Amino acid sequence: MNEDAAIFFAPPEMVTWIGYTLIVLGFFAMGISLVTIGPKRFFVMAVIKPESVKNERFVSGPFHFFPHPAYIGYLAIAFGNFLSSGKNYALGIFLFGMILFPIVIWLEEEELAKRIGA
């Protein structure tokens, strides 16, 4: 398959750098989320083994501004990848995240509400 056929658009240099910046900011959002809630919560141990962590809702740090900063980070990385490469698959990954993450967030919020009684 011709590699150019998979390109949605050929990004100008400035758009490429905006994409790289979004990727870095996305990893930063994921990292700050991990540091704020800890690895057990970040890597789903609170759901798998709820007795291993204290039941609480985080509202400090990045969670004060965004209830799910890691998902914002994932989307920033996906969109940054699309902007920096212009590839169709990168746009597909971003759109998939835009559809999937609200569903996952809703399910997580329902599970958290049942677990902490909020």
PDB file of N, CA and C in Angstrom:
ATOM      1  N   MET A   1       0.838  -1.187   0.000  1.00  0.00           N
ATOM      2  CA  MET A   1       0.000   0.000   0.000  1.00  0.00           C
ATOM      3  C   MET A   1       0.876   1.241   0.000  1.00  0.00           C
ATOM      4  N   ASN A   2       0.502   2.197  -0.795  1.00  0.00           N
ATOM      5  CA  ASN A   2       1.219   3.450  -0.862  1.00  0.00           C
ATOM      6  C   ASN A   2       1.083   4.196   0.460  1.00  0.00           C
ATOM      7  N   GLU A   3       2.210   4.579   1.056  1.00  0.00           N
ATOM      8  CA  GLU A   3       2.189   5.246   2.363  1.00  0.00           C
ATOM      9  C   GLU A   3       1.424   6.567   2.314  1.00  0.00           C
ATOM     10  N   ASP A   4       1.495   7.276   1.195  1.00  0.00           N
ATOM     11  CA  ASP A   4       0.788   8.549   1.072  1.00  0.00           C
ATOM     12  C   ASP A   4      -0.723   8.372   1.072  1.00  0.00           C
ATOM     13  N   ALA A   5      -1.219   7.195   0.716  1.00  0.00           N
ATOM     14  CA  ALA A   5      -2.660   6.953   0.698  1.00  0.00           C
ATOM     15  C   ALA A   5      -3.241   6.966   2.103  1.00  0.00           C
ATOM     16  N   ALA A   6      -2.417   6.716   3.110  1.00  0.00           N
ATOM     17  CA  ALA A   6      -2.889   6.676   4.486  1.00  0.00           C
ATOM     18  C   ALA A   6      -2.824   8.049   5.153  1.00  0.00           C
ATOM     19  N   ILE A   7      -2.443   9.066   4.407  1.00  0.00           N
ATOM     20  CA  ILE A   7      -2.319  10.401   4.998  1.00  0.00           C
ATOM     21  C   ILE A   7      -3.619  11.167   4.815  1.00  0.00           C
ATOM     22  N   PHE A   8      -4.161  11.652   5.920  1.00  0.00           N
ATOM     23  CA  PHE A   8      -5.359  12.477   5.906  1.00  0.00           C
ATOM     24  C   PHE A   8      -5.009  13.877   5.418  1.00  0.00           C
ATOM     25  N   PHE A   9      -3.872  14.390   5.925  1.00  0.00           N
ATOM     26  CA  PHE A   9      -3.349  15.674   5.448  1.00  0.00           C
ATOM     27  C   PHE A   9      -1.861  15.705   5.734  1.00  0.00           C
ATOM     28  N   ALA A  10      -1.124  16.480   4.974  1.00  0.00           N
ATOM     29  CA  ALA A  10       0.306  16.653   5.208  1.00  0.00           C
ATOM     30  C   ALA A  10       0.479  17.861   6.123  1.00  0.00           C
ATOM     31  N   PRO A  11       0.838  17.628   7.394  1.00  0.00           N
ATOM     32  CA  PRO A  11       0.876  18.742   8.337  1.00  0.00           C
ATOM     33  C   PRO A  11       2.034  19.698   8.079  1.00  0.00           C
ATOM     34  N   PRO A  12       1.741  20.991   8.128  1.00  0.00           N
ATOM     35  CA  PRO A  12       2.832  21.974   8.072  1.00  0.00           C
ATOM     36  C   PRO A  12       3.687  21.856   9.335  1.00  0.00           C
ATOM     37  N   GLU A  13       4.875  22.399   9.290  1.00  0.00           N
ATOM     38  CA  GLU A  13       5.807  22.271  10.415  1.00  0.00           C
ATOM     39  C   GLU A  13       5.216  22.802  11.723  1.00  0.00           C
ATOM     40  N   MET A  14       4.524  23.923  11.679  1.00  0.00           N
ATOM     41  CA  MET A  14       3.943  24.503  12.896  1.00  0.00           C
ATOM     42  C   MET A  14       2.891  23.561  13.496  1.00  0.00           C
ATOM     43  N   VAL A  15       2.065  22.944  12.666  1.00  0.00           N
ATOM     44  CA  VAL A  15       1.045  21.998  13.139  1.00  0.00           C
ATOM     45  C   VAL A  15       1.718  20.774  13.737  1.00  0.00           C
ATOM     46  N   THR A  16       2.812  20.331  13.134  1.00  0.00           N
ATOM     47  CA  THR A  16       3.566  19.202  13.676  1.00  0.00           C
ATOM     48  C   THR A  16       4.059  19.518  15.077  1.00  0.00           C
ATOM     49  N   TRP A  17       4.580  20.705  15.287  1.00  0.00           N
ATOM     50  CA  TRP A  17       5.084  21.089  16.615  1.00  0.00           C
ATOM     51  C   TRP A  17       3.941  21.248  17.620  1.00  0.00           C
ATOM     52  N   ILE A  18       2.805  21.708  17.171  1.00  0.00           N
ATOM     53  CA  ILE A  18       1.633  21.763  18.064  1.00  0.00           C
ATOM     54  C   ILE A  18       1.260  20.335  18.475  1.00  0.00           C
ATOM     55  N   GLY A  19       1.309  19.411  17.535  1.00  0.00           N
ATOM     56  CA  GLY A  19       1.042  18.010  17.839  1.00  0.00           C
ATOM     57  C   GLY A  19       2.025  17.457  18.862  1.00  0.00           C
ATOM     58  N   TYR A  20       3.315  17.731  18.674  1.00  0.00           N
ATOM     59  CA  TYR A  20       4.317  17.267  19.642  1.00  0.00           C
ATOM     60  C   TYR A  20       4.052  17.855  21.027  1.00  0.00           C
ATOM     61  N   THR A  21       3.679  19.112  21.066  1.00  0.00           N
ATOM     62  CA  THR A  21       3.376  19.762  22.347  1.00  0.00           C
ATOM     63  C   THR A  21       2.191  19.099  23.030  1.00  0.00           C
ATOM     64  N   LEU A  22       1.157  18.774  22.250  1.00  0.00           N
ATOM     65  CA  LEU A  22       0.001  18.079  22.828  1.00  0.00           C
ATOM     66  C   LEU A  22       0.382  16.701  23.366  1.00  0.00           C
ATOM     67  N   ILE A  23       1.269  16.018  22.678  1.00  0.00           N
ATOM     68  CA  ILE A  23       1.726  14.704  23.147  1.00  0.00           C
ATOM     69  C   ILE A  23       2.438  14.846  24.491  1.00  0.00           C
ATOM     70  N   VAL A  24       3.324  15.814  24.605  1.00  0.00           N
ATOM     71  CA  VAL A  24       4.040  16.038  25.866  1.00  0.00           C
ATOM     72  C   VAL A  24       3.071  16.419  26.972  1.00  0.00           C
ATOM     73  N   LEU A  25       2.131  17.319  26.686  1.00  0.00           N
ATOM     74  CA  LEU A  25       1.147  17.726  27.687  1.00  0.00           C
ATOM     75  C   LEU A  25       0.258  16.550  28.096  1.00  0.00           C
ATOM     76  N   GLY A  26      -0.060  15.686  27.144  1.00  0.00           N
ATOM     77  CA  GLY A  26      -0.851  14.503  27.451  1.00  0.00           C
ATOM     78  C   GLY A  26      -0.131  13.571  28.409  1.00  0.00           C
ATOM     79  N   PHE A  27       1.155  13.334  28.155  1.00  0.00           N
ATOM     80  CA  PHE A  27       1.924  12.498  29.078  1.00  0.00           C
ATOM     81  C   PHE A  27       2.048  13.163  30.442  1.00  0.00           C
ATOM     82  N   PHE A  28       2.167  14.478  30.458  1.00  0.00           N
ATOM     83  CA  PHE A  28       2.212  15.210  31.736  1.00  0.00           C
ATOM     84  C   PHE A  28       0.901  15.022  32.492  1.00  0.00           C
ATOM     85  N   ALA A  29      -0.235  15.129  31.818  1.00  0.00           N
ATOM     86  CA  ALA A  29      -1.541  14.950  32.468  1.00  0.00           C
ATOM     87  C   ALA A  29      -1.673  13.540  33.031  1.00  0.00           C
ATOM     88  N   MET A  30      -1.223  12.553  32.281  1.00  0.00           N
ATOM     89  CA  MET A  30      -1.269  11.178  32.783  1.00  0.00           C
ATOM     90  C   MET A  30      -0.354  11.013  33.991  1.00  0.00           C
ATOM     91  N   GLY A  31       0.829  11.575  33.925  1.00  0.00           N
ATOM     92  CA  GLY A  31       1.789  11.459  35.018  1.00  0.00           C
ATOM     93  C   GLY A  31       1.311  12.138  36.288  1.00  0.00           C
ATOM     94  N   ILE A  32       0.768  13.338  36.162  1.00  0.00           N
ATOM     95  CA  ILE A  32       0.282  14.055  37.342  1.00  0.00           C
ATOM     96  C   ILE A  32      -0.922  13.343  37.937  1.00  0.00           C
ATOM     97  N   SER A  33      -1.728  12.722  37.108  1.00  0.00           N
ATOM     98  CA  SER A  33      -2.845  11.922  37.590  1.00  0.00           C
ATOM     99  C   SER A  33      -2.331  10.717  38.374  1.00  0.00           C
ATOM    100  N   LEU A  34      -1.335  10.039  37.843  1.00  0.00           N
ATOM    101  CA  LEU A  34      -0.736   8.884  38.503  1.00  0.00           C
ATOM    102  C   LEU A  34      -0.152   9.270  39.856  1.00  0.00           C
ATOM    103  N   VAL A  35       0.574  10.375  39.896  1.00  0.00           N
ATOM    104  CA  VAL A  35       1.187  10.821  41.148  1.00  0.00           C
ATOM    105  C   VAL A  35       0.117  11.222  42.168  1.00  0.00           C
ATOM    106  N   THR A  36      -0.940  11.873  41.721  1.00  0.00           N
ATOM    107  CA  THR A  36      -1.985  12.354  42.632  1.00  0.00           C
ATOM    108  C   THR A  36      -2.763  11.210  43.259  1.00  0.00           C
ATOM    109  N   ILE A  37      -3.185  10.236  42.482  1.00  0.00           N
ATOM    110  CA  ILE A  37      -4.030   9.175  43.034  1.00  0.00           C
ATOM    111  C   ILE A  37      -3.255   7.920  43.409  1.00  0.00           C
ATOM    112  N   GLY A  38      -2.018   7.811  42.972  1.00  0.00           N
ATOM    113  CA  GLY A  38      -1.198   6.649  43.296  1.00  0.00           C
ATOM    114  C   GLY A  38      -1.379   5.530  42.295  1.00  0.00           C
ATOM    115  N   PRO A  39      -0.381   4.651  42.215  1.00  0.00           N
ATOM    116  CA  PRO A  39      -0.427   3.587  41.209  1.00  0.00           C
ATOM    117  C   PRO A  39      -1.547   2.576  41.409  1.00  0.00           C
ATOM    118  N   LYS A  40      -1.916   2.299  42.668  1.00  0.00           N
ATOM    119  CA  LYS A  40      -2.979   1.299  42.879  1.00  0.00           C
ATOM    120  C   LYS A  40      -4.292   1.758  42.255  1.00  0.00           C
ATOM    121  N   ARG A  41      -4.624   3.023  42.406  1.00  0.00           N
ATOM    122  CA  ARG A  41      -5.864   3.526  41.819  1.00  0.00           C
ATOM    123  C   ARG A  41      -5.717   3.727  40.316  1.00  0.00           C
ATOM    124  N   PHE A  42      -4.581   4.249  39.908  1.00  0.00           N
ATOM    125  CA  PHE A  42      -4.373   4.534  38.491  1.00  0.00           C
ATOM    126  C   PHE A  42      -4.438   3.255  37.660  1.00  0.00           C
ATOM    127  N   PHE A  43      -3.902   2.176  38.190  1.00  0.00           N
ATOM    128  CA  PHE A  43      -3.865   0.915  37.451  1.00  0.00           C
ATOM    129  C   PHE A  43      -4.987  -0.034  37.878  1.00  0.00           C
ATOM    130  N   VAL A  44      -6.133   0.492  38.292  1.00  0.00           N
ATOM    131  CA  VAL A  44      -7.405  -0.197  38.479  1.00  0.00           C
ATOM    132  C   VAL A  44      -7.452  -1.165  39.667  1.00  0.00           C
ATOM    133  N   MET A  45      -6.463  -1.147  40.543  1.00  0.00           N
ATOM    134  CA  MET A  45      -6.503  -2.044  41.695  1.00  0.00           C
ATOM    135  C   MET A  45      -7.675  -1.703  42.624  1.00  0.00           C
ATOM    136  N   ALA A  46      -8.126  -0.450  42.626  1.00  0.00           N
ATOM    137  CA  ALA A  46      -9.267  -0.059  43.464  1.00  0.00           C
ATOM    138  C   ALA A  46     -10.531  -0.795  43.046  1.00  0.00           C
ATOM    139  N   VAL A  47     -10.613  -1.185  41.812  1.00  0.00           N
ATOM    140  CA  VAL A  47     -11.775  -1.928  41.321  1.00  0.00           C
ATOM    141  C   VAL A  47     -11.555  -3.430  41.507  1.00  0.00           C
ATOM    142  N   ILE A  48     -10.353  -3.911  41.200  1.00  0.00           N
ATOM    143  CA  ILE A  48     -10.063  -5.335  41.297  1.00  0.00           C
ATOM    144  C   ILE A  48     -10.017  -5.792  42.757  1.00  0.00           C
ATOM    145  N   LYS A  49      -9.333  -5.011  43.596  1.00  0.00           N
ATOM    146  CA  LYS A  49      -9.222  -5.331  45.023  1.00  0.00           C
ATOM    147  C   LYS A  49      -9.589  -4.082  45.829  1.00  0.00           C
ATOM    148  N   PRO A  50     -10.873  -3.780  45.964  1.00  0.00           N
ATOM    149  CA  PRO A  50     -11.284  -2.544  46.631  1.00  0.00           C
ATOM    150  C   PRO A  50     -10.799  -2.434  48.077  1.00  0.00           C
ATOM    151  N   GLU A  51     -10.563  -3.560  48.738  1.00  0.00           N
ATOM    152  CA  GLU A  51     -10.110  -3.511  50.124  1.00  0.00           C
ATOM    153  C   GLU A  51      -8.668  -3.020  50.240  1.00  0.00           C
ATOM    154  N   SER A  52      -7.935  -2.960  49.125  1.00  0.00           N
ATOM    155  CA  SER A  52      -6.532  -2.555  49.164  1.00  0.00           C
ATOM    156  C   SER A  52      -6.338  -1.039  49.178  1.00  0.00           C
ATOM    157  N   VAL A  53      -7.398  -0.283  48.966  1.00  0.00           N
ATOM    158  CA  VAL A  53      -7.291   1.185  48.970  1.00  0.00           C
ATOM    159  C   VAL A  53      -8.449   1.799  49.761  1.00  0.00           C
ATOM    160  N   LYS A  54      -8.206   3.007  50.250  1.00  0.00           N
ATOM    161  CA  LYS A  54      -9.257   3.745  50.952  1.00  0.00           C
ATOM    162  C   LYS A  54     -10.262   4.256  49.924  1.00  0.00           C
ATOM    163  N   ASN A  55     -11.548   4.098  50.207  1.00  0.00           N
ATOM    164  CA  ASN A  55     -12.583   4.591  49.296  1.00  0.00           C
ATOM    165  C   ASN A  55     -12.725   6.100  49.450  1.00  0.00           C
ATOM    166  N   GLU A  56     -12.422   6.827  48.388  1.00  0.00           N
ATOM    167  CA  GLU A  56     -12.545   8.273  48.405  1.00  0.00           C
ATOM    168  C   GLU A  56     -12.616   8.804  46.976  1.00  0.00           C
ATOM    169  N   ARG A  57     -13.175   9.994  46.862  1.00  0.00           N
ATOM    170  CA  ARG A  57     -13.237  10.693  45.579  1.00  0.00           C
ATOM    171  C   ARG A  57     -12.195  11.802  45.626  1.00  0.00           C
ATOM    172  N   PHE A  58     -11.345  11.863  44.628  1.00  0.00           N
ATOM    173  CA  PHE A  58     -10.304  12.886  44.589  1.00  0.00           C
ATOM    174  C   PHE A  58     -10.851  14.166  43.964  1.00  0.00           C
ATOM    175  N   VAL A  59     -10.608  15.275  44.632  1.00  0.00           N
ATOM    176  CA  VAL A  59     -11.026  16.574  44.111  1.00  0.00           C
ATOM    177  C   VAL A  59      -9.893  17.595  44.222  1.00  0.00           C
ATOM    178  N   SER A  60      -8.680  17.126  44.510  1.00  0.00           N
ATOM    179  CA  SER A  60      -7.543  18.036  44.614  1.00  0.00           C
ATOM    180  C   SER A  60      -6.613  17.832  43.425  1.00  0.00           C
ATOM    181  N   GLY A  61      -5.616  18.693  43.331  1.00  0.00           N
ATOM    182  CA  GLY A  61      -4.661  18.600  42.231  1.00  0.00           C
ATOM    183  C   GLY A  61      -5.365  18.747  40.892  1.00  0.00           C
ATOM    184  N   PRO A  62      -4.983  17.926  39.915  1.00  0.00           N
ATOM    185  CA  PRO A  62      -5.609  18.043  38.587  1.00  0.00           C
ATOM    186  C   PRO A  62      -7.084  17.653  38.619  1.00  0.00           C
ATOM    187  N   PHE A  63      -7.478  16.872  39.634  1.00  0.00           N
ATOM    188  CA  PHE A  63      -8.876  16.431  39.740  1.00  0.00           C
ATOM    189  C   PHE A  63      -9.798  17.587  40.138  1.00  0.00           C
ATOM    190  N   HIS A  64      -9.208  18.682  40.607  1.00  0.00           N
ATOM    191  CA  HIS A  64     -10.003  19.876  40.907  1.00  0.00           C
ATOM    192  C   HIS A  64     -10.559  20.486  39.615  1.00  0.00           C
ATOM    193  N   PHE A  65      -9.799  20.367  38.534  1.00  0.00           N
ATOM    194  CA  PHE A  65     -10.185  20.968  37.252  1.00  0.00           C
ATOM    195  C   PHE A  65     -10.857  19.974  36.309  1.00  0.00           C
ATOM    196  N   PHE A  66     -10.379  18.722  36.328  1.00  0.00           N
ATOM    197  CA  PHE A  66     -10.905  17.680  35.454  1.00  0.00           C
ATOM    198  C   PHE A  66     -11.143  16.425  36.288  1.00  0.00           C
ATOM    199  N   PRO A  67     -12.333  15.843  36.245  1.00  0.00           N
ATOM    200  CA  PRO A  67     -12.557  14.634  37.032  1.00  0.00           C
ATOM    201  C   PRO A  67     -11.741  13.431  36.542  1.00  0.00           C
ATOM    202  N   HIS A  68     -11.304  13.448  35.310  1.00  0.00           N
ATOM    203  CA  HIS A  68     -10.539  12.328  34.744  1.00  0.00           C
ATOM    204  C   HIS A  68      -9.367  12.867  33.915  1.00  0.00           C
ATOM    205  N   PRO A  69      -8.322  13.405  34.571  1.00  0.00           N
ATOM    206  CA  PRO A  69      -7.221  14.019  33.814  1.00  0.00           C
ATOM    207  C   PRO A  69      -6.446  13.042  32.943  1.00  0.00           C
ATOM    208  N   ALA A  70      -6.374  11.772  33.317  1.00  0.00           N
ATOM    209  CA  ALA A  70      -5.641  10.815  32.477  1.00  0.00           C
ATOM    210  C   ALA A  70      -6.324  10.665  31.117  1.00  0.00           C
ATOM    211  N   TYR A  71      -7.653  10.658  31.096  1.00  0.00           N
ATOM    212  CA  TYR A  71      -8.361  10.539  29.817  1.00  0.00           C
ATOM    213  C   TYR A  71      -8.145  11.782  28.952  1.00  0.00           C
ATOM    214  N   ILE A  72      -8.072  12.941  29.585  1.00  0.00           N
ATOM    215  CA  ILE A  72      -7.725  14.164  28.841  1.00  0.00           C
ATOM    216  C   ILE A  72      -6.329  13.983  28.239  1.00  0.00           C
ATOM    217  N   GLY A  73      -5.421  13.400  29.022  1.00  0.00           N
ATOM    218  CA  GLY A  73      -4.073  13.136  28.526  1.00  0.00           C
ATOM    219  C   GLY A  73      -4.056  12.169  27.358  1.00  0.00           C
ATOM    220  N   TYR A  74      -4.841  11.096  27.459  1.00  0.00           N
ATOM    221  CA  TYR A  74      -4.909  10.129  26.356  1.00  0.00           C
ATOM    222  C   TYR A  74      -5.399  10.809  25.078  1.00  0.00           C
ATOM    223  N   LEU A  75      -6.449  11.629  25.225  1.00  0.00           N
ATOM    224  CA  LEU A  75      -6.990  12.324  24.044  1.00  0.00           C
ATOM    225  C   LEU A  75      -5.986  13.327  23.477  1.00  0.00           C
ATOM    226  N   ALA A  76      -5.266  14.022  24.361  1.00  0.00           N
ATOM    227  CA  ALA A  76      -4.254  14.982  23.896  1.00  0.00           C
ATOM    228  C   ALA A  76      -3.155  14.254  23.119  1.00  0.00           C
ATOM    229  N   ILE A  77      -2.738  13.097  23.623  1.00  0.00           N
ATOM    230  CA  ILE A  77      -1.713  12.312  22.921  1.00  0.00           C
ATOM    231  C   ILE A  77      -2.232  11.849  21.559  1.00  0.00           C
ATOM    232  N   ALA A  78      -3.457  11.349  21.533  1.00  0.00           N
ATOM    233  CA  ALA A  78      -4.021  10.863  20.263  1.00  0.00           C
ATOM    234  C   ALA A  78      -4.173  12.002  19.259  1.00  0.00           C
ATOM    235  N   PHE A  79      -4.695  13.153  19.712  1.00  0.00           N
ATOM    236  CA  PHE A  79      -4.870  14.268  18.782  1.00  0.00           C
ATOM    237  C   PHE A  79      -3.515  14.838  18.367  1.00  0.00           C
ATOM    238  N   GLY A  80      -2.568  14.892  19.311  1.00  0.00           N
ATOM    239  CA  GLY A  80      -1.221  15.355  18.974  1.00  0.00           C
ATOM    240  C   GLY A  80      -0.554  14.451  17.952  1.00  0.00           C
ATOM    241  N   ASN A  81      -0.780  13.143  18.076  1.00  0.00           N
ATOM    242  CA  ASN A  81      -0.248  12.194  17.102  1.00  0.00           C
ATOM    243  C   ASN A  81      -0.856  12.450  15.727  1.00  0.00           C
ATOM    244  N   PHE A  82      -2.156  12.708  15.706  1.00  0.00           N
ATOM    245  CA  PHE A  82      -2.806  13.013  14.426  1.00  0.00           C
ATOM    246  C   PHE A  82      -2.232  14.296  13.821  1.00  0.00           C
ATOM    247  N   LEU A  83      -2.119  15.349  14.639  1.00  0.00           N
ATOM    248  CA  LEU A  83      -1.607  16.615  14.105  1.00  0.00           C
ATOM    249  C   LEU A  83      -0.166  16.497  13.634  1.00  0.00           C
ATOM    250  N   SER A  84       0.648  15.731  14.348  1.00  0.00           N
ATOM    251  CA  SER A  84       2.053  15.647  13.973  1.00  0.00           C
ATOM    252  C   SER A  84       2.296  14.713  12.794  1.00  0.00           C
ATOM    253  N   SER A  85       1.393  13.759  12.569  1.00  0.00           N
ATOM    254  CA  SER A  85       1.616  12.809  11.470  1.00  0.00           C
ATOM    255  C   SER A  85       0.668  13.017  10.291  1.00  0.00           C
ATOM    256  N   GLY A  86      -0.556  13.467  10.596  1.00  0.00           N
ATOM    257  CA  GLY A  86      -1.558  13.606   9.549  1.00  0.00           C
ATOM    258  C   GLY A  86      -2.125  12.283   9.069  1.00  0.00           C
ATOM    259  N   LYS A  87      -1.871  11.205   9.795  1.00  0.00           N
ATOM    260  CA  LYS A  87      -2.277   9.863   9.366  1.00  0.00           C
ATOM    261  C   LYS A  87      -3.734   9.569   9.712  1.00  0.00           C
ATOM    262  N   ASN A  88      -4.376   8.819   8.822  1.00  0.00           N
ATOM    263  CA  ASN A  88      -5.774   8.414   9.024  1.00  0.00           C
ATOM    264  C   ASN A  88      -5.963   7.617  10.310  1.00  0.00           C
ATOM    265  N   TYR A  89      -5.060   6.666  10.573  1.00  0.00           N
ATOM    266  CA  TYR A  89      -5.219   5.827  11.756  1.00  0.00           C
ATOM    267  C   TYR A  89      -5.196   6.663  13.033  1.00  0.00           C
ATOM    268  N   ALA A  90      -4.380   7.730  13.050  1.00  0.00           N
ATOM    269  CA  ALA A  90      -4.283   8.583  14.234  1.00  0.00           C
ATOM    270  C   ALA A  90      -5.598   9.330  14.458  1.00  0.00           C
ATOM    271  N   LEU A  91      -6.214   9.768  13.381  1.00  0.00           N
ATOM    272  CA  LEU A  91      -7.526  10.397  13.509  1.00  0.00           C
ATOM    273  C   LEU A  91      -8.539   9.379  14.017  1.00  0.00           C
ATOM    274  N   GLY A  92      -8.469   8.149  13.519  1.00  0.00           N
ATOM    275  CA  GLY A  92      -9.376   7.096  13.971  1.00  0.00           C
ATOM    276  C   GLY A  92      -9.215   6.800  15.453  1.00  0.00           C
ATOM    277  N   ILE A  93      -7.977   6.755  15.933  1.00  0.00           N
ATOM    278  CA  ILE A  93      -7.732   6.513  17.357  1.00  0.00           C
ATOM    279  C   ILE A  93      -8.321   7.643  18.192  1.00  0.00           C
ATOM    280  N   PHE A  94      -8.123   8.877  17.755  1.00  0.00           N
ATOM    281  CA  PHE A  94      -8.670  10.020  18.485  1.00  0.00           C
ATOM    282  C   PHE A  94     -10.199   9.970  18.512  1.00  0.00           C
ATOM    283  N   LEU A  95     -10.820   9.721  17.379  1.00  0.00           N
ATOM    284  CA  LEU A  95     -12.289   9.659  17.328  1.00  0.00           C
ATOM    285  C   LEU A  95     -12.831   8.499  18.157  1.00  0.00           C
ATOM    286  N   PHE A  96     -12.126   7.368  18.139  1.00  0.00           N
ATOM    287  CA  PHE A  96     -12.519   6.225  18.964  1.00  0.00           C
ATOM    288  C   PHE A  96     -12.500   6.611  20.443  1.00  0.00           C
ATOM    289  N   GLY A  97     -11.451   7.327  20.851  1.00  0.00           N
ATOM    290  CA  GLY A  97     -11.366   7.802  22.230  1.00  0.00           C
ATOM    291  C   GLY A  97     -12.471   8.780  22.573  1.00  0.00           C
ATOM    292  N   MET A  98     -12.808   9.645  21.644  1.00  0.00           N
ATOM    293  CA  MET A  98     -13.884  10.625  21.880  1.00  0.00           C
ATOM    294  C   MET A  98     -15.233   9.933  22.078  1.00  0.00           C
ATOM    295  N   ILE A  99     -15.404   8.789  21.464  1.00  0.00           N
ATOM    296  CA  ILE A  99     -16.643   8.021  21.626  1.00  0.00           C
ATOM    297  C   ILE A  99     -16.567   7.128  22.867  1.00  0.00           C
ATOM    298  N   LEU A 100     -15.442   6.451  23.057  1.00  0.00           N
ATOM    299  CA  LEU A 100     -15.314   5.469  24.131  1.00  0.00           C
ATOM    300  C   LEU A 100     -15.167   6.097  25.511  1.00  0.00           C
ATOM    301  N   PHE A 101     -14.354   7.136  25.662  1.00  0.00           N
ATOM    302  CA  PHE A 101     -14.046   7.667  26.986  1.00  0.00           C
ATOM    303  C   PHE A 101     -15.260   8.190  27.740  1.00  0.00           C
ATOM    304  N   PRO A 102     -16.200   8.879  27.109  1.00  0.00           N
ATOM    305  CA  PRO A 102     -17.392   9.276  27.883  1.00  0.00           C
ATOM    306  C   PRO A 102     -18.157   8.073  28.441  1.00  0.00           C
ATOM    307  N   ILE A 103     -18.193   6.983  27.709  1.00  0.00           N
ATOM    308  CA  ILE A 103     -18.859   5.770  28.197  1.00  0.00           C
ATOM    309  C   ILE A 103     -18.091   5.194  29.381  1.00  0.00           C
ATOM    310  N   VAL A 104     -16.769   5.108  29.251  1.00  0.00           N
ATOM    311  CA  VAL A 104     -15.935   4.585  30.328  1.00  0.00           C
ATOM    312  C   VAL A 104     -16.046   5.482  31.560  1.00  0.00           C
ATOM    313  N   ILE A 105     -16.029   6.789  31.366  1.00  0.00           N
ATOM    314  CA  ILE A 105     -16.154   7.720  32.490  1.00  0.00           C
ATOM    315  C   ILE A 105     -17.493   7.525  33.186  1.00  0.00           C
ATOM    316  N   TRP A 106     -18.553   7.389  32.427  1.00  0.00           N
ATOM    317  CA  TRP A 106     -19.885   7.182  33.019  1.00  0.00           C
ATOM    318  C   TRP A 106     -19.894   5.894  33.839  1.00  0.00           C
ATOM    319  N   LEU A 107     -19.332   4.807  33.295  1.00  0.00           N
ATOM    320  CA  LEU A 107     -19.278   3.536  34.020  1.00  0.00           C
ATOM    321  C   LEU A 107     -18.420   3.650  35.281  1.00  0.00           C
ATOM    322  N   GLU A 108     -17.302   4.341  35.177  1.00  0.00           N
ATOM    323  CA  GLU A 108     -16.446   4.520  36.352  1.00  0.00           C
ATOM    324  C   GLU A 108     -17.147   5.336  37.428  1.00  0.00           C
ATOM    325  N   GLU A 109     -17.853   6.375  37.024  1.00  0.00           N
ATOM    326  CA  GLU A 109     -18.580   7.204  37.993  1.00  0.00           C
ATOM    327  C   GLU A 109     -19.672   6.402  38.692  1.00  0.00           C
ATOM    328  N   GLU A 110     -20.364   5.549  37.937  1.00  0.00           N
ATOM    329  CA  GLU A 110     -21.396   4.688  38.529  1.00  0.00           C
ATOM    330  C   GLU A 110     -20.775   3.715  39.533  1.00  0.00           C
ATOM    331  N   GLU A 111     -19.677   3.100  39.167  1.00  0.00           N
ATOM    332  CA  GLU A 111     -19.006   2.146  40.047  1.00  0.00           C
ATOM    333  C   GLU A 111     -18.496   2.862  41.304  1.00  0.00           C
ATOM    334  N   LEU A 112     -17.900   4.034  41.138  1.00  0.00           N
ATOM    335  CA  LEU A 112     -17.383   4.784  42.284  1.00  0.00           C
ATOM    336  C   LEU A 112     -18.510   5.198  43.228  1.00  0.00           C
ATOM    337  N   ALA A 113     -19.612   5.649  42.680  1.00  0.00           N
ATOM    338  CA  ALA A 113     -20.748   6.051  43.505  1.00  0.00           C
ATOM    339  C   ALA A 113     -21.264   4.874  44.332  1.00  0.00           C
ATOM    340  N   LYS A 114     -21.320   3.697  43.740  1.00  0.00           N
ATOM    341  CA  LYS A 114     -21.756   2.491  44.489  1.00  0.00           C
ATOM    342  C   LYS A 114     -20.740   2.127  45.564  1.00  0.00           C
ATOM    343  N   ARG A 115     -19.456   2.259  45.242  1.00  0.00           N
ATOM    344  CA  ARG A 115     -18.416   1.847  46.176  1.00  0.00           C
ATOM    345  C   ARG A 115     -18.293   2.786  47.367  1.00  0.00           C
ATOM    346  N   ILE A 116     -18.387   4.102  47.123  1.00  0.00           N
ATOM    347  CA  ILE A 116     -18.220   5.041  48.238  1.00  0.00           C
ATOM    348  C   ILE A 116     -19.538   5.582  48.754  1.00  0.00           C
ATOM    349  N   GLY A 117     -20.639   5.227  48.100  1.00  0.00           N
ATOM    350  CA  GLY A 117     -21.937   5.669  48.568  1.00  0.00           C
ATOM    351  C   GLY A 117     -22.194   7.151  48.358  1.00  0.00           C
ATOM    352  N   ALA A 118     -21.647   7.698  47.283  1.00  0.00           N
ATOM    353  CA  ALA A 118     -21.838   9.140  47.022  1.00  0.00           C
ATOM    354  C   ALA A 118     -22.913   9.382  46.012  1.00  0.00           C
TER     355      ALA A 118
END
